[in-house]
Amino acid sequence: MADLWVFGYGSLMWRPGFDFEERAPALLKGAHRALCVYSIFHRGTREQPGLVLGLDRGGACRGAAFRVPSGAEEATTAYLREREQVTVVYREAVRQVRLLDGSGRGTRALCYLVDRAHAQYAGDLSLEEQLTMVRGGRGESGANVDYVLNTVRHLEEAGVHDASLVALAARLAQES
């Protein structure tokens, strides 16, 4: 049986929540990181949704790939489904990623792509629309502003510069 790898592009990068034997920076082609999911649980409510990250089609995304220990595949997948699929806004998929650890290796990794047909898919919102939603979002996991600022900080620490998130965070930081 082939190793199970998991691709993380947001909080999974710095808080995977599962055991792993190897972690490597990785590149996924064909999808990009975007604030494109209306959050009605973790960072918002049905009445006042927030925004969270999704992997949307097109482009490429730098993130992290994690190799799961042999024998932990089922438990890891169950954990990820519970964490990522609260409202089933993501499609579970296996995609090719390139490890950016200098090895030149490629591997197939489990990832969660946004379902564009889902009611929580926000699409490509303008910076002003994102600001309005993020400012007002607060859910079970806290304020949406904190989510965005924390995400940008962790991405930058990992050497990942996401220009659209940085622009949003800069505007949010001006207000605090």
N, C-alpha and C. Protein backbone atom coordinates (compact mmCIF):
# COMPACT_ATOMS: atom_id res chain seq x y z
N MET A 1 0.85 -1.18 0.00
CA MET A 1 0.00 0.00 0.00
C MET A 1 0.89 1.25 0.00
N ALA A 2 0.54 2.21 -0.81
CA ALA A 2 1.31 3.45 -0.92
C ALA A 2 1.12 4.30 0.34
N ASP A 3 2.12 5.10 0.64
CA ASP A 3 2.04 6.02 1.78
C ASP A 3 0.90 7.00 1.59
N LEU A 4 0.26 7.38 2.70
CA LEU A 4 -0.74 8.45 2.67
C LEU A 4 -0.03 9.76 2.97
N TRP A 5 -0.15 10.69 2.04
CA TRP A 5 0.33 12.05 2.22
C TRP A 5 -0.89 12.96 2.30
N VAL A 6 -0.80 14.01 3.08
CA VAL A 6 -1.87 15.01 3.22
C VAL A 6 -1.29 16.36 2.85
N PHE A 7 -2.01 17.12 2.01
CA PHE A 7 -1.58 18.46 1.63
C PHE A 7 -2.34 19.49 2.46
N GLY A 8 -1.59 20.37 3.12
CA GLY A 8 -2.19 21.46 3.88
C GLY A 8 -1.83 22.79 3.27
N TYR A 9 -2.78 23.71 3.22
CA TYR A 9 -2.56 25.02 2.60
C TYR A 9 -2.93 26.16 3.54
N GLY A 10 -3.53 25.83 4.68
CA GLY A 10 -3.92 26.83 5.68
C GLY A 10 -3.50 26.30 7.04
N SER A 11 -4.45 26.23 7.97
CA SER A 11 -4.10 25.85 9.34
C SER A 11 -3.52 24.45 9.44
N LEU A 12 -3.81 23.58 8.50
CA LEU A 12 -3.18 22.25 8.54
C LEU A 12 -1.66 22.35 8.45
N MET A 13 -1.14 23.43 7.85
CA MET A 13 0.31 23.60 7.72
C MET A 13 0.98 23.71 9.09
N TRP A 14 0.40 24.43 10.02
CA TRP A 14 1.04 24.67 11.31
C TRP A 14 0.32 23.98 12.47
N ARG A 15 -0.85 23.43 12.19
CA ARG A 15 -1.60 22.72 13.25
C ARG A 15 -2.29 21.52 12.61
N PRO A 16 -1.49 20.53 12.18
CA PRO A 16 -2.12 19.41 11.47
C PRO A 16 -3.08 18.61 12.34
N GLY A 17 -2.75 18.38 13.60
CA GLY A 17 -3.66 17.66 14.47
C GLY A 17 -3.60 16.15 14.32
N PHE A 18 -2.65 15.65 13.55
CA PHE A 18 -2.48 14.20 13.39
C PHE A 18 -0.98 13.91 13.39
N ASP A 19 -0.64 12.67 13.68
CA ASP A 19 0.77 12.26 13.68
C ASP A 19 1.26 12.15 12.24
N PHE A 20 2.53 12.50 12.04
CA PHE A 20 3.14 12.35 10.72
C PHE A 20 4.59 11.97 10.89
N GLU A 21 5.12 11.29 9.89
CA GLU A 21 6.52 10.86 9.91
C GLU A 21 7.42 11.82 9.15
N GLU A 22 6.83 12.58 8.25
CA GLU A 22 7.61 13.50 7.43
C GLU A 22 6.75 14.69 7.07
N ARG A 23 7.38 15.85 7.07
CA ARG A 23 6.71 17.10 6.64
C ARG A 23 7.65 17.77 5.65
N ALA A 24 7.08 18.23 4.53
CA ALA A 24 7.90 18.92 3.54
C ALA A 24 7.10 20.04 2.90
N PRO A 25 7.75 21.17 2.59
CA PRO A 25 7.05 22.18 1.80
C PRO A 25 6.65 21.53 0.47
N ALA A 26 5.51 21.93 -0.07
CA ALA A 26 5.00 21.27 -1.26
C ALA A 26 4.26 22.26 -2.15
N LEU A 27 4.16 21.89 -3.42
CA LEU A 27 3.45 22.70 -4.41
C LEU A 27 2.37 21.86 -5.07
N LEU A 28 1.15 22.38 -5.04
CA LEU A 28 0.01 21.77 -5.71
C LEU A 28 -0.32 22.65 -6.91
N LYS A 29 -0.33 22.07 -8.10
CA LYS A 29 -0.73 22.82 -9.30
C LYS A 29 -2.17 22.50 -9.63
N GLY A 30 -2.87 23.50 -10.17
CA GLY A 30 -4.26 23.31 -10.57
C GLY A 30 -5.26 23.85 -9.58
N ALA A 31 -4.78 24.35 -8.43
CA ALA A 31 -5.66 24.95 -7.43
C ALA A 31 -4.87 26.01 -6.67
N HIS A 32 -5.59 27.00 -6.16
CA HIS A 32 -4.94 28.08 -5.41
C HIS A 32 -5.68 28.33 -4.10
N ARG A 33 -4.96 28.89 -3.14
CA ARG A 33 -5.51 29.25 -1.83
C ARG A 33 -6.35 30.51 -2.00
N ALA A 34 -7.56 30.51 -1.45
CA ALA A 34 -8.42 31.69 -1.56
C ALA A 34 -9.39 31.75 -0.39
N LEU A 35 -9.72 32.97 0.02
CA LEU A 35 -10.79 33.16 1.00
C LEU A 35 -12.10 33.07 0.23
N CYS A 36 -12.56 31.86 0.00
CA CYS A 36 -13.70 31.66 -0.90
C CYS A 36 -14.80 30.83 -0.29
N VAL A 37 -14.75 30.63 1.04
CA VAL A 37 -15.75 29.80 1.71
C VAL A 37 -16.45 30.63 2.79
N TYR A 38 -17.77 30.74 2.69
CA TYR A 38 -18.54 31.37 3.76
C TYR A 38 -18.48 30.46 4.98
N SER A 39 -18.00 30.99 6.09
CA SER A 39 -17.91 30.22 7.32
C SER A 39 -19.14 30.49 8.17
N ILE A 40 -19.92 29.44 8.40
CA ILE A 40 -21.14 29.58 9.21
C ILE A 40 -21.00 28.83 10.54
N PHE A 41 -19.80 28.33 10.80
CA PHE A 41 -19.58 27.60 12.04
C PHE A 41 -18.33 28.12 12.76
N HIS A 42 -17.15 27.88 12.19
CA HIS A 42 -15.89 28.22 12.88
C HIS A 42 -15.65 29.72 13.00
N ARG A 43 -15.90 30.50 11.94
CA ARG A 43 -15.56 31.92 11.95
C ARG A 43 -16.74 32.83 11.59
N GLY A 44 -17.93 32.29 11.70
CA GLY A 44 -19.14 33.07 11.44
C GLY A 44 -20.36 32.26 11.83
N THR A 45 -21.50 32.80 11.49
CA THR A 45 -22.78 32.12 11.75
C THR A 45 -23.62 32.18 10.49
N ARG A 46 -24.74 31.50 10.48
CA ARG A 46 -25.65 31.58 9.32
C ARG A 46 -26.13 33.02 9.12
N GLU A 47 -26.36 33.71 10.23
CA GLU A 47 -26.86 35.09 10.17
C GLU A 47 -25.76 36.06 9.73
N GLN A 48 -24.54 35.81 10.13
CA GLN A 48 -23.40 36.68 9.81
C GLN A 48 -22.18 35.80 9.50
N PRO A 49 -22.13 35.32 8.26
CA PRO A 49 -21.01 34.44 7.90
C PRO A 49 -19.68 35.19 7.86
N GLY A 50 -18.63 34.45 8.15
CA GLY A 50 -17.27 34.93 7.95
C GLY A 50 -16.72 34.30 6.69
N LEU A 51 -15.41 34.39 6.51
CA LEU A 51 -14.74 33.78 5.35
C LEU A 51 -13.55 32.96 5.81
N VAL A 52 -13.41 31.78 5.22
CA VAL A 52 -12.25 30.95 5.47
C VAL A 52 -11.66 30.48 4.15
N LEU A 53 -10.48 29.90 4.25
CA LEU A 53 -9.75 29.47 3.06
C LEU A 53 -10.34 28.21 2.44
N GLY A 54 -10.19 28.16 1.14
CA GLY A 54 -10.48 26.95 0.38
C GLY A 54 -9.45 26.83 -0.72
N LEU A 55 -9.31 25.65 -1.24
CA LEU A 55 -8.50 25.43 -2.44
C LEU A 55 -9.44 25.53 -3.62
N ASP A 56 -9.32 26.59 -4.41
CA ASP A 56 -10.19 26.82 -5.55
C ASP A 56 -9.43 26.49 -6.83
N ARG A 57 -10.15 26.17 -7.86
CA ARG A 57 -9.51 25.70 -9.09
C ARG A 57 -8.69 26.79 -9.77
N GLY A 58 -7.63 26.34 -10.44
CA GLY A 58 -6.75 27.23 -11.19
C GLY A 58 -5.55 27.67 -10.39
N GLY A 59 -4.45 27.90 -11.09
CA GLY A 59 -3.24 28.42 -10.46
C GLY A 59 -2.46 27.34 -9.76
N ALA A 60 -1.78 27.74 -8.69
CA ALA A 60 -0.96 26.83 -7.91
C ALA A 60 -0.95 27.29 -6.46
N CYS A 61 -0.59 26.39 -5.56
CA CYS A 61 -0.59 26.70 -4.14
C CYS A 61 0.62 26.08 -3.47
N ARG A 62 1.38 26.91 -2.77
CA ARG A 62 2.45 26.41 -1.91
C ARG A 62 1.87 26.11 -0.54
N GLY A 63 2.20 24.94 -0.04
CA GLY A 63 1.71 24.53 1.26
C GLY A 63 2.68 23.55 1.88
N ALA A 64 2.15 22.56 2.58
CA ALA A 64 2.98 21.54 3.22
C ALA A 64 2.34 20.18 2.99
N ALA A 65 3.20 19.17 2.79
CA ALA A 65 2.73 17.80 2.65
C ALA A 65 3.24 17.00 3.84
N PHE A 66 2.38 16.15 4.37
CA PHE A 66 2.67 15.34 5.54
C PHE A 66 2.52 13.87 5.19
N ARG A 67 3.55 13.09 5.50
CA ARG A 67 3.46 11.64 5.29
C ARG A 67 3.01 11.00 6.59
N VAL A 68 1.88 10.29 6.52
CA VAL A 68 1.24 9.68 7.68
C VAL A 68 1.91 8.34 7.97
N PRO A 69 2.11 8.02 9.25
CA PRO A 69 2.72 6.72 9.59
C PRO A 69 1.87 5.55 9.09
N SER A 70 2.54 4.50 8.68
CA SER A 70 1.86 3.29 8.24
C SER A 70 0.97 2.78 9.38
N GLY A 71 -0.26 2.44 9.05
CA GLY A 71 -1.22 1.97 10.04
C GLY A 71 -2.11 3.06 10.59
N ALA A 72 -1.77 4.33 10.34
CA ALA A 72 -2.57 5.45 10.86
C ALA A 72 -3.42 6.10 9.78
N GLU A 73 -3.46 5.51 8.61
CA GLU A 73 -4.18 6.12 7.49
C GLU A 73 -5.67 6.31 7.76
N GLU A 74 -6.33 5.26 8.25
CA GLU A 74 -7.78 5.35 8.49
C GLU A 74 -8.11 6.37 9.58
N ALA A 75 -7.37 6.33 10.67
CA ALA A 75 -7.62 7.27 11.77
C ALA A 75 -7.37 8.71 11.32
N THR A 76 -6.32 8.91 10.53
CA THR A 76 -6.00 10.26 10.04
C THR A 76 -7.08 10.77 9.12
N THR A 77 -7.53 9.92 8.20
CA THR A 77 -8.59 10.32 7.27
C THR A 77 -9.88 10.62 8.02
N ALA A 78 -10.21 9.81 9.02
CA ALA A 78 -11.42 10.06 9.82
C ALA A 78 -11.31 11.40 10.55
N TYR A 79 -10.14 11.67 11.13
CA TYR A 79 -9.92 12.94 11.81
C TYR A 79 -10.10 14.12 10.85
N LEU A 80 -9.49 14.02 9.67
CA LEU A 80 -9.57 15.11 8.70
C LEU A 80 -11.01 15.33 8.23
N ARG A 81 -11.75 14.27 8.03
CA ARG A 81 -13.16 14.41 7.62
C ARG A 81 -13.96 15.13 8.70
N GLU A 82 -13.70 14.78 9.95
CA GLU A 82 -14.41 15.45 11.05
C GLU A 82 -14.04 16.92 11.12
N ARG A 83 -12.77 17.23 10.92
CA ARG A 83 -12.28 18.61 11.02
C ARG A 83 -12.69 19.46 9.81
N GLU A 84 -12.50 18.93 8.62
CA GLU A 84 -12.68 19.71 7.40
C GLU A 84 -14.09 19.66 6.83
N GLN A 85 -14.86 18.66 7.17
CA GLN A 85 -16.13 18.45 6.50
C GLN A 85 -17.34 18.72 7.40
N VAL A 86 -17.23 19.69 8.27
CA VAL A 86 -18.34 20.03 9.18
C VAL A 86 -19.61 20.30 8.37
N THR A 87 -19.48 21.01 7.26
CA THR A 87 -20.65 21.31 6.42
C THR A 87 -20.49 20.76 5.00
N VAL A 88 -19.52 19.92 4.78
CA VAL A 88 -19.25 19.26 3.50
C VAL A 88 -19.09 20.26 2.35
N VAL A 89 -18.39 21.36 2.62
CA VAL A 89 -18.13 22.38 1.59
C VAL A 89 -16.90 22.02 0.75
N TYR A 90 -16.14 21.03 1.20
CA TYR A 90 -14.95 20.61 0.46
C TYR A 90 -15.16 19.24 -0.16
N ARG A 91 -14.48 19.02 -1.27
CA ARG A 91 -14.45 17.71 -1.91
C ARG A 91 -13.11 17.08 -1.57
N GLU A 92 -13.16 15.88 -1.03
CA GLU A 92 -11.94 15.15 -0.74
C GLU A 92 -11.38 14.64 -2.06
N ALA A 93 -10.10 14.87 -2.31
CA ALA A 93 -9.49 14.47 -3.58
C ALA A 93 -8.03 14.09 -3.34
N VAL A 94 -7.50 13.29 -4.23
CA VAL A 94 -6.08 12.97 -4.21
C VAL A 94 -5.47 13.62 -5.44
N ARG A 95 -4.45 14.45 -5.22
CA ARG A 95 -3.81 15.20 -6.29
C ARG A 95 -2.29 15.04 -6.21
N GLN A 96 -1.65 15.23 -7.33
CA GLN A 96 -0.19 15.18 -7.40
C GLN A 96 0.37 16.47 -6.81
N VAL A 97 1.36 16.34 -5.93
CA VAL A 97 2.08 17.50 -5.39
C VAL A 97 3.57 17.25 -5.59
N ARG A 98 4.31 18.35 -5.69
CA ARG A 98 5.77 18.28 -5.78
C ARG A 98 6.33 18.74 -4.45
N LEU A 99 7.19 17.93 -3.86
CA LEU A 99 7.83 18.30 -2.60
C LEU A 99 8.94 19.30 -2.89
N LEU A 100 8.98 20.36 -2.11
CA LEU A 100 9.94 21.44 -2.31
C LEU A 100 11.06 21.37 -1.28
N ASP A 101 11.47 20.15 -0.95
CA ASP A 101 12.51 19.93 0.05
C ASP A 101 13.87 19.68 -0.57
N GLY A 102 13.98 19.92 -1.88
CA GLY A 102 15.25 19.71 -2.56
C GLY A 102 15.41 18.31 -3.12
N SER A 103 14.47 17.42 -2.81
CA SER A 103 14.58 16.03 -3.25
C SER A 103 14.09 15.83 -4.68
N GLY A 104 13.26 16.77 -5.16
CA GLY A 104 12.67 16.63 -6.48
C GLY A 104 11.54 15.60 -6.53
N ARG A 105 11.16 15.07 -5.37
CA ARG A 105 10.10 14.04 -5.33
C ARG A 105 8.72 14.63 -5.62
N GLY A 106 7.91 13.79 -6.22
CA GLY A 106 6.50 14.08 -6.37
C GLY A 106 5.73 12.97 -5.68
N THR A 107 4.54 13.27 -5.22
CA THR A 107 3.72 12.25 -4.57
C THR A 107 2.27 12.64 -4.71
N ARG A 108 1.40 11.69 -4.52
CA ARG A 108 -0.02 11.98 -4.52
C ARG A 108 -0.43 12.25 -3.07
N ALA A 109 -1.24 13.28 -2.87
CA ALA A 109 -1.62 13.69 -1.52
C ALA A 109 -3.12 13.93 -1.43
N LEU A 110 -3.66 13.60 -0.27
CA LEU A 110 -5.06 13.88 0.04
C LEU A 110 -5.20 15.37 0.25
N CYS A 111 -6.17 15.98 -0.38
CA CYS A 111 -6.42 17.41 -0.17
C CYS A 111 -7.92 17.67 -0.22
N TYR A 112 -8.29 18.84 0.24
CA TYR A 112 -9.69 19.23 0.32
C TYR A 112 -9.91 20.45 -0.57
N LEU A 113 -10.60 20.23 -1.68
CA LEU A 113 -10.88 21.27 -2.67
C LEU A 113 -12.28 21.82 -2.41
N VAL A 114 -12.45 23.12 -2.58
CA VAL A 114 -13.77 23.71 -2.36
C VAL A 114 -14.74 23.20 -3.43
N ASP A 115 -15.96 22.94 -3.00
CA ASP A 115 -17.03 22.52 -3.90
C ASP A 115 -17.75 23.77 -4.40
N ARG A 116 -17.52 24.14 -5.63
CA ARG A 116 -18.11 25.37 -6.17
C ARG A 116 -19.64 25.32 -6.25
N ALA A 117 -20.23 24.15 -6.19
CA ALA A 117 -21.69 24.03 -6.23
C ALA A 117 -22.32 24.15 -4.84
N HIS A 118 -21.51 24.18 -3.81
CA HIS A 118 -22.01 24.25 -2.43
C HIS A 118 -22.48 25.68 -2.12
N ALA A 119 -23.52 25.79 -1.31
CA ALA A 119 -24.08 27.10 -0.96
C ALA A 119 -23.07 27.99 -0.23
N GLN A 120 -22.06 27.40 0.39
CA GLN A 120 -21.07 28.19 1.13
C GLN A 120 -19.91 28.66 0.24
N TYR A 121 -19.94 28.34 -1.03
CA TYR A 121 -18.88 28.82 -1.92
C TYR A 121 -19.10 30.30 -2.19
N ALA A 122 -18.13 31.12 -1.81
CA ALA A 122 -18.26 32.58 -1.94
C ALA A 122 -17.73 33.10 -3.27
N GLY A 123 -16.88 32.33 -3.92
CA GLY A 123 -16.31 32.78 -5.17
C GLY A 123 -15.22 33.81 -4.96
N ASP A 124 -14.99 34.59 -5.99
CA ASP A 124 -13.90 35.59 -6.00
C ASP A 124 -14.46 36.93 -5.54
N LEU A 125 -14.35 37.21 -4.25
CA LEU A 125 -14.87 38.45 -3.69
C LEU A 125 -13.83 39.56 -3.79
N SER A 126 -14.29 40.78 -3.92
CA SER A 126 -13.37 41.93 -3.93
C SER A 126 -12.78 42.12 -2.54
N LEU A 127 -11.70 42.88 -2.45
CA LEU A 127 -11.08 43.17 -1.17
C LEU A 127 -12.09 43.83 -0.22
N GLU A 128 -12.89 44.75 -0.74
CA GLU A 128 -13.89 45.43 0.11
C GLU A 128 -14.94 44.45 0.63
N GLU A 129 -15.38 43.53 -0.22
CA GLU A 129 -16.35 42.53 0.23
C GLU A 129 -15.74 41.62 1.29
N GLN A 130 -14.48 41.22 1.09
CA GLN A 130 -13.80 40.40 2.07
C GLN A 130 -13.68 41.14 3.40
N LEU A 131 -13.29 42.41 3.35
CA LEU A 131 -13.15 43.21 4.57
C LEU A 131 -14.46 43.24 5.36
N THR A 132 -15.55 43.51 4.68
CA THR A 132 -16.85 43.59 5.34
C THR A 132 -17.20 42.28 6.03
N MET A 133 -17.00 41.16 5.34
CA MET A 133 -17.36 39.86 5.90
C MET A 133 -16.43 39.48 7.06
N VAL A 134 -15.13 39.69 6.87
CA VAL A 134 -14.17 39.29 7.90
C VAL A 134 -14.35 40.13 9.16
N ARG A 135 -14.59 41.42 9.00
CA ARG A 135 -14.81 42.29 10.17
C ARG A 135 -15.98 41.80 11.02
N GLY A 136 -17.04 41.31 10.38
CA GLY A 136 -18.26 40.93 11.10
C GLY A 136 -18.32 39.48 11.51
N GLY A 137 -17.39 38.64 11.03
CA GLY A 137 -17.47 37.21 11.30
C GLY A 137 -16.93 36.82 12.66
N ARG A 138 -17.71 36.03 13.36
CA ARG A 138 -17.29 35.45 14.65
C ARG A 138 -18.08 34.16 14.80
N GLY A 139 -17.35 33.07 15.07
CA GLY A 139 -18.01 31.77 15.21
C GLY A 139 -17.45 30.98 16.38
N GLU A 140 -17.68 29.66 16.34
CA GLU A 140 -17.26 28.76 17.42
C GLU A 140 -15.76 28.84 17.70
N SER A 141 -14.95 29.12 16.67
CA SER A 141 -13.50 29.16 16.84
C SER A 141 -12.96 30.58 17.02
N GLY A 142 -13.85 31.57 17.11
CA GLY A 142 -13.40 32.93 17.37
C GLY A 142 -13.65 33.89 16.24
N ALA A 143 -12.99 35.05 16.34
CA ALA A 143 -13.18 36.15 15.39
C ALA A 143 -12.51 35.86 14.06
N ASN A 144 -13.19 36.21 12.98
CA ASN A 144 -12.67 36.01 11.64
C ASN A 144 -11.41 36.85 11.41
N VAL A 145 -11.37 38.06 12.00
CA VAL A 145 -10.18 38.91 11.87
C VAL A 145 -8.96 38.17 12.40
N ASP A 146 -9.09 37.54 13.57
CA ASP A 146 -7.98 36.80 14.16
C ASP A 146 -7.53 35.67 13.24
N TYR A 147 -8.48 34.98 12.62
CA TYR A 147 -8.17 33.89 11.68
C TYR A 147 -7.31 34.40 10.52
N VAL A 148 -7.70 35.52 9.93
CA VAL A 148 -6.94 36.05 8.78
C VAL A 148 -5.55 36.50 9.22
N LEU A 149 -5.46 37.25 10.30
CA LEU A 149 -4.16 37.75 10.75
C LEU A 149 -3.23 36.60 11.16
N ASN A 150 -3.78 35.61 11.84
CA ASN A 150 -3.00 34.44 12.25
C ASN A 150 -2.54 33.64 11.03
N THR A 151 -3.42 33.49 10.06
CA THR A 151 -3.08 32.76 8.84
C THR A 151 -1.92 33.43 8.12
N VAL A 152 -2.00 34.74 7.94
CA VAL A 152 -0.94 35.47 7.23
C VAL A 152 0.38 35.35 8.00
N ARG A 153 0.34 35.50 9.31
CA ARG A 153 1.55 35.39 10.12
C ARG A 153 2.20 34.02 9.94
N HIS A 154 1.40 32.97 10.03
CA HIS A 154 1.95 31.61 9.89
C HIS A 154 2.45 31.35 8.47
N LEU A 155 1.74 31.83 7.47
CA LEU A 155 2.20 31.63 6.09
C LEU A 155 3.54 32.32 5.88
N GLU A 156 3.66 33.55 6.35
CA GLU A 156 4.92 34.29 6.21
C GLU A 156 6.05 33.58 6.94
N GLU A 157 5.78 33.05 8.13
CA GLU A 157 6.80 32.29 8.88
C GLU A 157 7.25 31.06 8.11
N ALA A 158 6.35 30.48 7.32
CA ALA A 158 6.66 29.29 6.52
C ALA A 158 7.29 29.68 5.17
N GLY A 159 7.47 30.98 4.95
CA GLY A 159 8.07 31.43 3.70
C GLY A 159 7.09 31.50 2.54
N VAL A 160 5.80 31.52 2.85
CA VAL A 160 4.77 31.59 1.82
C VAL A 160 4.16 32.99 1.84
N HIS A 161 4.32 33.71 0.75
CA HIS A 161 3.74 35.06 0.64
C HIS A 161 2.50 34.98 -0.24
N ASP A 162 1.36 35.28 0.33
CA ASP A 162 0.10 35.28 -0.40
C ASP A 162 -0.36 36.73 -0.49
N ALA A 163 -0.15 37.34 -1.64
CA ALA A 163 -0.35 38.79 -1.80
C ALA A 163 -1.77 39.23 -1.45
N SER A 164 -2.79 38.49 -1.84
CA SER A 164 -4.16 38.93 -1.56
C SER A 164 -4.46 38.85 -0.06
N LEU A 165 -3.97 37.81 0.61
CA LEU A 165 -4.19 37.73 2.06
C LEU A 165 -3.39 38.79 2.80
N VAL A 166 -2.19 39.08 2.33
CA VAL A 166 -1.36 40.12 2.95
C VAL A 166 -2.05 41.48 2.83
N ALA A 167 -2.62 41.76 1.67
CA ALA A 167 -3.34 43.04 1.47
C ALA A 167 -4.53 43.15 2.41
N LEU A 168 -5.28 42.07 2.55
CA LEU A 168 -6.43 42.06 3.46
C LEU A 168 -5.95 42.24 4.90
N ALA A 169 -4.92 41.52 5.30
CA ALA A 169 -4.41 41.63 6.66
C ALA A 169 -3.90 43.03 6.96
N ALA A 170 -3.27 43.65 6.00
CA ALA A 170 -2.76 45.02 6.20
C ALA A 170 -3.91 45.97 6.49
N ARG A 171 -4.99 45.84 5.74
CA ARG A 171 -6.16 46.70 5.98
C ARG A 171 -6.78 46.41 7.35
N LEU A 172 -6.87 45.14 7.71
CA LEU A 172 -7.44 44.78 9.02
C LEU A 172 -6.56 45.27 10.15
N ALA A 173 -5.25 45.18 9.99
CA ALA A 173 -4.32 45.61 11.04
C ALA A 173 -4.39 47.12 11.26
N GLN A 174 -4.68 47.87 10.21
CA GLN A 174 -4.81 49.34 10.32
C GLN A 174 -5.94 49.70 11.26
N GLU A 175 -6.95 48.84 11.31
CA GLU A 175 -8.16 49.13 12.09
C GLU A 175 -8.02 48.74 13.56
N SER A 176 -7.02 47.91 13.88
CA SER A 176 -6.95 47.44 15.27
C SER A 176 -6.03 48.27 16.12
